[in-house]
Amino acid sequence: QVHLAESGGGLVQPGGSLRLSCAFSGSIFSLYDMGWYRQAPGKQRELVASISSGGIVDVADSAKGRFTISRDISKSALYLQMDRLGPEDTAVYYCHARSTYSGREYWGQGTQVTAAS
């Protein structure tokens, strides 16, 4: 059973930075497409950035130039470096994994990110 555990959220002033981490366990990390999603109050969950099992990166327009997704296969870890955060980035951020052989999807519990003065 795949387990995802996010960390690194918190309160930051507008213009600041945070780095989210997602620890993956229970299967072979390199066989999964990984991503970061976020959900703000009253809004639908949306994709922020993704990295395929083959290493192809995709970033939402709202995050381009500010957020960087990366992974460390040796540590089974996924990261999201967030720079120049603004109030519009305030949301719960979720780690997501999709198996490339079964298509099964998994979610972490989420970590709160708040950008406010």
Protein backbone atom coordinates (compact mmCIF):
# COMPACT_ATOMS: atom_id res chain seq x y z
CA GLN A 1 0.00 0.00 0.00
CA VAL A 2 1.42 3.35 -1.07
CA HIS A 3 1.70 5.98 1.63
CA LEU A 4 2.39 9.66 1.00
CA ALA A 5 3.41 12.07 3.75
CA GLU A 6 3.73 15.80 3.08
CA SER A 7 5.74 18.25 5.16
CA GLY A 8 7.06 21.78 4.91
CA GLY A 9 3.91 23.86 4.90
CA GLY A 10 3.39 26.87 7.11
CA LEU A 11 2.83 30.61 7.31
CA VAL A 12 4.99 32.86 5.17
CA GLN A 13 4.89 36.55 4.32
CA PRO A 14 4.00 37.51 0.75
CA GLY A 15 7.11 37.31 -1.40
CA GLY A 16 8.58 34.55 0.74
CA SER A 17 9.50 30.95 -0.02
CA LEU A 18 8.64 27.48 1.20
CA ARG A 19 9.79 24.01 0.23
CA LEU A 20 7.32 21.17 0.44
CA SER A 21 8.43 17.55 0.71
CA CYS A 22 6.53 14.33 0.09
CA ALA A 23 7.86 11.05 1.44
CA PHE A 24 6.73 8.06 -0.65
CA SER A 25 6.65 4.50 0.70
CA GLY A 26 5.07 1.14 -0.02
CA SER A 27 6.06 0.62 -3.64
CA ILE A 28 8.69 1.47 -6.27
CA PHE A 29 8.84 5.26 -6.49
CA SER A 30 10.28 5.37 -10.01
CA LEU A 31 7.20 3.60 -11.41
CA TYR A 32 4.87 6.41 -10.40
CA ASP A 33 3.85 9.68 -11.98
CA MET A 34 3.94 12.25 -9.17
CA GLY A 35 2.34 15.62 -8.67
CA TRP A 36 1.41 18.45 -6.35
CA TYR A 37 -2.17 19.69 -6.17
CA ARG A 38 -3.71 22.42 -4.09
CA GLN A 39 -7.17 23.30 -2.86
CA ALA A 40 -8.13 26.73 -1.60
CA PRO A 41 -11.28 27.29 0.50
CA GLY A 42 -14.37 27.16 -1.68
CA LYS A 43 -12.42 26.12 -4.78
CA GLN A 44 -11.78 22.89 -6.62
CA ARG A 45 -8.55 21.00 -6.23
CA GLU A 46 -6.13 21.97 -9.00
CA LEU A 47 -2.86 20.66 -10.36
CA VAL A 48 0.16 22.80 -9.50
CA ALA A 49 2.99 20.76 -10.98
CA SER A 50 3.75 17.21 -12.02
CA ILE A 51 6.69 15.01 -12.90
CA SER A 52 6.23 11.80 -14.82
CA SER A 53 7.98 8.52 -14.09
CA GLY A 54 10.21 9.39 -17.03
CA GLY A 55 11.09 12.78 -15.59
CA ILE A 56 8.90 15.00 -17.74
CA VAL A 57 7.86 18.13 -15.82
CA ASP A 58 4.69 20.16 -16.23
CA VAL A 59 3.84 23.30 -14.27
CA ALA A 60 0.54 25.17 -14.14
CA ASP A 61 0.56 28.64 -15.68
CA SER A 62 -0.16 30.18 -12.27
CA ALA A 63 3.04 28.65 -10.90
CA LYS A 64 5.42 28.97 -13.84
CA GLY A 65 8.55 30.91 -13.04
CA ARG A 66 7.88 30.69 -9.28
CA PHE A 67 7.46 27.00 -8.39
CA THR A 68 9.86 24.14 -9.14
CA ILE A 69 8.99 20.46 -8.84
CA SER A 70 11.74 17.90 -8.37
CA ARG A 71 12.29 14.39 -7.07
CA ASP A 72 15.03 12.30 -5.52
CA ILE A 73 14.53 8.71 -6.64
CA SER A 74 17.20 7.44 -4.23
CA LYS A 75 15.18 8.88 -1.33
CA SER A 76 11.69 8.19 -2.78
CA ALA A 77 10.93 11.84 -2.25
CA LEU A 78 9.09 14.55 -4.14
CA TYR A 79 9.65 18.27 -3.61
CA LEU A 80 8.01 21.56 -4.48
CA GLN A 81 10.10 24.71 -4.16
CA MET A 82 7.79 27.70 -3.99
CA ASP A 83 9.19 31.21 -4.39
CA ARG A 84 7.55 34.64 -4.49
CA LEU A 85 4.48 33.32 -2.72
CA GLY A 86 1.37 35.44 -2.73
CA PRO A 87 -2.01 35.34 -0.95
CA GLU A 88 -3.43 33.58 -4.02
CA ASP A 89 -1.18 30.60 -3.25
CA THR A 90 -2.83 30.03 0.12
CA ALA A 91 -4.27 26.52 0.08
CA VAL A 92 -3.86 22.98 1.31
CA TYR A 93 -1.21 21.30 -0.84
CA TYR A 94 -1.51 17.59 -1.59
CA CYS A 95 1.00 15.08 -2.87
CA HIS A 96 -0.39 12.72 -5.54
CA ALA A 97 0.90 9.49 -7.03
CA ARG A 98 -0.37 7.46 -9.97
CA SER A 99 0.91 4.00 -10.77
CA THR A 100 2.11 3.69 -14.37
CA TYR A 101 1.21 -0.03 -14.44
CA SER A 102 -2.19 -0.15 -12.66
CA GLY A 103 -3.38 3.46 -12.91
CA ARG A 104 -4.25 3.45 -9.22
CA GLU A 105 -4.00 6.83 -7.55
CA TYR A 106 -2.96 7.84 -4.06
CA TRP A 107 -3.18 11.07 -2.06
CA GLY A 108 -1.39 12.43 0.95
CA GLN A 109 -3.16 14.09 3.86
CA GLY A 110 -2.16 17.58 2.74
CA THR A 111 -0.17 20.42 4.23
CA GLN A 112 -1.41 23.96 4.76
CA VAL A 113 0.39 26.84 3.05
CA THR A 114 -0.61 30.36 4.02
CA ALA A 115 0.90 33.51 2.52
CA ALA A 116 -0.20 36.49 4.58
CA SER A 117 1.19 39.56 6.32
